[in-house]
Amino acid sequence: MSEIIKGSCHCQRVQFEVELDNGLEKLRRCNCSLCSKKGAIIASVPLAKLKITKGVDSLSLYQWNSKIAKHYFCSNCGIYTHHQRRSDPTEFGFNIACLEGVNPYEFTDIVLGDGASQKLI
């Protein structure tokens, strides 16, 4: 049975929902030049399972290098909310710290993906 969890950026201008079929899956950090600086713990869902419910016009898009990945940030508070993955463009990765009721500090043993060497994770 799937669960829908709401999420938002810090200022609440950008709000979204994720539909989780099996809870938070594929938890990871990435060591690429961008992810290592933002430090977020990321989970993933298929594209159809993340929906922006408020603030599409407040999202800023950042791309670099291959321009396959699409990283989204709130243009007001700067919080990274989600991205369309380079290694699997059929999925959104999202910042679990943005989810209501989720404490990212409770998660241990987070997998470190090797985005720095461009290996797919």
C-alpha atoms as a PDB file:
ATOM      1  CA  MET A   1       0.000   0.000   0.000  1.00  0.00           C
ATOM      2  CA  SER A   2       1.472   3.331  -1.007  1.00  0.00           C
ATOM      3  CA  GLU A   3       1.805   6.353   1.241  1.00  0.00           C
ATOM      4  CA  ILE A   4       1.774   9.997   0.173  1.00  0.00           C
ATOM      5  CA  ILE A   5       4.101  12.289   2.120  1.00  0.00           C
ATOM      6  CA  LYS A   6       4.161  16.050   1.770  1.00  0.00           C
ATOM      7  CA  GLY A   7       7.342  18.043   1.514  1.00  0.00           C
ATOM      8  CA  SER A   8       8.447  21.633   1.087  1.00  0.00           C
ATOM      9  CA  CYS A   9      11.365  23.985   0.959  1.00  0.00           C
ATOM     10  CA  HIS A  10      12.219  26.125   4.003  1.00  0.00           C
ATOM     11  CA  CYS A  11      10.023  29.112   3.093  1.00  0.00           C
ATOM     12  CA  GLN A  12       7.104  26.898   1.983  1.00  0.00           C
ATOM     13  CA  ARG A  13       6.875  28.514  -1.461  1.00  0.00           C
ATOM     14  CA  VAL A  14       7.655  25.160  -3.081  1.00  0.00           C
ATOM     15  CA  GLN A  15       5.511  22.268  -1.888  1.00  0.00           C
ATOM     16  CA  PHE A  16       5.357  18.727  -3.219  1.00  0.00           C
ATOM     17  CA  GLU A  17       4.048  15.255  -2.578  1.00  0.00           C
ATOM     18  CA  VAL A  18       5.826  11.952  -3.038  1.00  0.00           C
ATOM     19  CA  GLU A  19       4.032   8.647  -3.350  1.00  0.00           C
ATOM     20  CA  LEU A  20       6.075   5.964  -1.640  1.00  0.00           C
ATOM     21  CA  ASP A  21       5.230   2.357  -2.421  1.00  0.00           C
ATOM     22  CA  ASN A  22       7.702   0.869   0.058  1.00  0.00           C
ATOM     23  CA  GLY A  23       8.709   3.771   2.272  1.00  0.00           C
ATOM     24  CA  LEU A  24      11.902   5.693   1.642  1.00  0.00           C
ATOM     25  CA  GLU A  25      13.987   3.670  -0.811  1.00  0.00           C
ATOM     26  CA  LYS A  26      17.433   4.009  -2.370  1.00  0.00           C
ATOM     27  CA  LEU A  27      18.671   6.310   0.395  1.00  0.00           C
ATOM     28  CA  ARG A  28      22.047   7.690  -0.532  1.00  0.00           C
ATOM     29  CA  ARG A  29      24.421  10.594  -0.638  1.00  0.00           C
ATOM     30  CA  CYS A  30      26.459  11.393  -3.721  1.00  0.00           C
ATOM     31  CA  ASN A  31      30.071  12.543  -3.953  1.00  0.00           C
ATOM     32  CA  CYS A  32      29.743  14.551  -7.181  1.00  0.00           C
ATOM     33  CA  SER A  33      30.841  18.176  -7.049  1.00  0.00           C
ATOM     34  CA  LEU A  34      27.283  19.478  -6.501  1.00  0.00           C
ATOM     35  CA  CYS A  35      25.915  16.850  -4.121  1.00  0.00           C
ATOM     36  CA  SER A  36      28.995  16.858  -1.913  1.00  0.00           C
ATOM     37  CA  LYS A  37      28.416  20.572  -1.320  1.00  0.00           C
ATOM     38  CA  LYS A  38      24.673  20.289  -0.623  1.00  0.00           C
ATOM     39  CA  GLY A  39      25.076  17.229   1.625  1.00  0.00           C
ATOM     40  CA  ALA A  40      21.495  16.002   1.309  1.00  0.00           C
ATOM     41  CA  ILE A  41      20.310  12.466   1.881  1.00  0.00           C
ATOM     42  CA  ILE A  42      18.388  11.518  -1.239  1.00  0.00           C
ATOM     43  CA  ALA A  43      15.658   8.971  -1.934  1.00  0.00           C
ATOM     44  CA  SER A  44      14.118   8.220  -5.340  1.00  0.00           C
ATOM     45  CA  VAL A  45      10.737   7.627  -6.924  1.00  0.00           C
ATOM     46  CA  PRO A  46       9.539   7.248 -10.519  1.00  0.00           C
ATOM     47  CA  LEU A  47       8.795  10.615 -12.159  1.00  0.00           C
ATOM     48  CA  ALA A  48       5.020  10.138 -11.885  1.00  0.00           C
ATOM     49  CA  LYS A  49       5.266   9.721  -8.101  1.00  0.00           C
ATOM     50  CA  LEU A  50       6.557  13.206  -7.276  1.00  0.00           C
ATOM     51  CA  LYS A  51       4.149  16.058  -7.834  1.00  0.00           C
ATOM     52  CA  ILE A  52       4.762  19.768  -7.250  1.00  0.00           C
ATOM     53  CA  THR A  53       1.591  21.017  -5.539  1.00  0.00           C
ATOM     54  CA  LYS A  54       2.602  24.650  -5.055  1.00  0.00           C
ATOM     55  CA  GLY A  55       5.289  26.984  -6.299  1.00  0.00           C
ATOM     56  CA  VAL A  56       6.334  25.622  -9.692  1.00  0.00           C
ATOM     57  CA  ASP A  57       7.080  29.241 -10.608  1.00  0.00           C
ATOM     58  CA  SER A  58       9.412  29.503  -7.580  1.00  0.00           C
ATOM     59  CA  LEU A  59      11.636  26.628  -8.695  1.00  0.00           C
ATOM     60  CA  SER A  60      15.039  27.363 -10.181  1.00  0.00           C
ATOM     61  CA  LEU A  61      16.732  24.808 -12.425  1.00  0.00           C
ATOM     62  CA  TYR A  62      20.465  24.126 -12.297  1.00  0.00           C
ATOM     63  CA  GLN A  63      22.291  21.976 -14.831  1.00  0.00           C
ATOM     64  CA  TRP A  64      25.934  21.508 -15.734  1.00  0.00           C
ATOM     65  CA  ASN A  65      28.278  19.137 -17.544  1.00  0.00           C
ATOM     66  CA  SER A  66      26.122  16.652 -19.531  1.00  0.00           C
ATOM     67  CA  LYS A  67      22.955  18.634 -18.724  1.00  0.00           C
ATOM     68  CA  ILE A  68      21.040  15.380 -18.259  1.00  0.00           C
ATOM     69  CA  ALA A  69      20.349  15.845 -14.549  1.00  0.00           C
ATOM     70  CA  LYS A  70      17.956  18.642 -13.636  1.00  0.00           C
ATOM     71  CA  HIS A  71      18.463  19.983 -10.106  1.00  0.00           C
ATOM     72  CA  TYR A  72      15.633  22.068  -8.646  1.00  0.00           C
ATOM     73  CA  PHE A  73      15.955  24.655  -5.874  1.00  0.00           C
ATOM     74  CA  CYS A  74      13.589  27.184  -4.359  1.00  0.00           C
ATOM     75  CA  SER A  75      14.462  30.554  -5.889  1.00  0.00           C
ATOM     76  CA  ASN A  76      13.585  32.282  -2.615  1.00  0.00           C
ATOM     77  CA  CYS A  77      15.182  30.240   0.198  1.00  0.00           C
ATOM     78  CA  GLY A  78      17.647  28.210  -1.890  1.00  0.00           C
ATOM     79  CA  ILE A  79      16.701  24.778  -0.571  1.00  0.00           C
ATOM     80  CA  TYR A  80      17.309  21.843  -2.919  1.00  0.00           C
ATOM     81  CA  THR A  81      14.009  19.943  -3.162  1.00  0.00           C
ATOM     82  CA  HIS A  82      14.500  17.397  -5.940  1.00  0.00           C
ATOM     83  CA  HIS A  83      16.247  16.495  -9.174  1.00  0.00           C
ATOM     84  CA  GLN A  84      15.709  14.382 -12.254  1.00  0.00           C
ATOM     85  CA  ARG A  85      18.527  11.880 -12.088  1.00  0.00           C
ATOM     86  CA  ARG A  86      21.364  11.615 -14.617  1.00  0.00           C
ATOM     87  CA  SER A  87      21.907   7.950 -13.843  1.00  0.00           C
ATOM     88  CA  ASP A  88      18.190   7.168 -14.212  1.00  0.00           C
ATOM     89  CA  PRO A  89      16.214   9.975 -15.909  1.00  0.00           C
ATOM     90  CA  THR A  90      12.977   8.051 -15.263  1.00  0.00           C
ATOM     91  CA  GLU A  91      13.302   8.910 -11.561  1.00  0.00           C
ATOM     92  CA  PHE A  92      13.287  11.960  -9.338  1.00  0.00           C
ATOM     93  CA  GLY A  93      15.713  12.039  -6.454  1.00  0.00           C
ATOM     94  CA  PHE A  94      14.442  14.159  -3.584  1.00  0.00           C
ATOM     95  CA  ASN A  95      15.788  15.678  -0.393  1.00  0.00           C
ATOM     96  CA  ILE A  96      14.378  13.637   2.497  1.00  0.00           C
ATOM     97  CA  ALA A  97      14.969  16.578   4.870  1.00  0.00           C
ATOM     98  CA  CYS A  98      12.156  18.396   3.044  1.00  0.00           C
ATOM     99  CA  LEU A  99       9.580  15.752   4.007  1.00  0.00           C
ATOM    100  CA  GLU A 100       7.101  16.348   6.813  1.00  0.00           C
ATOM    101  CA  GLY A 101       7.800  14.149   9.815  1.00  0.00           C
ATOM    102  CA  VAL A 102      11.180  12.891   8.547  1.00  0.00           C
ATOM    103  CA  ASN A 103      14.329  13.538  10.559  1.00  0.00           C
ATOM    104  CA  PRO A 104      17.342  12.906   8.299  1.00  0.00           C
ATOM    105  CA  TYR A 105      19.602  12.579  11.348  1.00  0.00           C
ATOM    106  CA  GLU A 106      17.825   9.354  12.312  1.00  0.00           C
ATOM    107  CA  PHE A 107      19.194   7.543   9.261  1.00  0.00           C
ATOM    108  CA  THR A 108      22.551   5.809   9.518  1.00  0.00           C
ATOM    109  CA  ASP A 109      24.632   3.739   7.135  1.00  0.00           C
ATOM    110  CA  ILE A 110      23.700   5.839   4.110  1.00  0.00           C
ATOM    111  CA  VAL A 111      25.154   4.541   0.836  1.00  0.00           C
ATOM    112  CA  LEU A 112      27.617   6.890  -0.862  1.00  0.00           C
ATOM    113  CA  GLY A 113      27.156   6.964  -4.618  1.00  0.00           C
ATOM    114  CA  ASP A 114      30.170   7.653  -6.791  1.00  0.00           C
ATOM    115  CA  GLY A 115      28.858  10.460  -8.951  1.00  0.00           C
ATOM    116  CA  ALA A 116      32.307  12.061  -8.989  1.00  0.00           C
ATOM    117  CA  SER A 117      33.647   9.372 -11.321  1.00  0.00           C
ATOM    118  CA  GLN A 118      30.385   9.410 -13.320  1.00  0.00           C
ATOM    119  CA  LYS A 119      29.527   5.849 -12.311  1.00  0.00           C
ATOM    120  CA  LEU A 120      25.804   5.301 -12.445  1.00  0.00           C
ATOM    121  CA  ILE A 121      24.112   4.831  -9.095  1.00  0.00           C
END
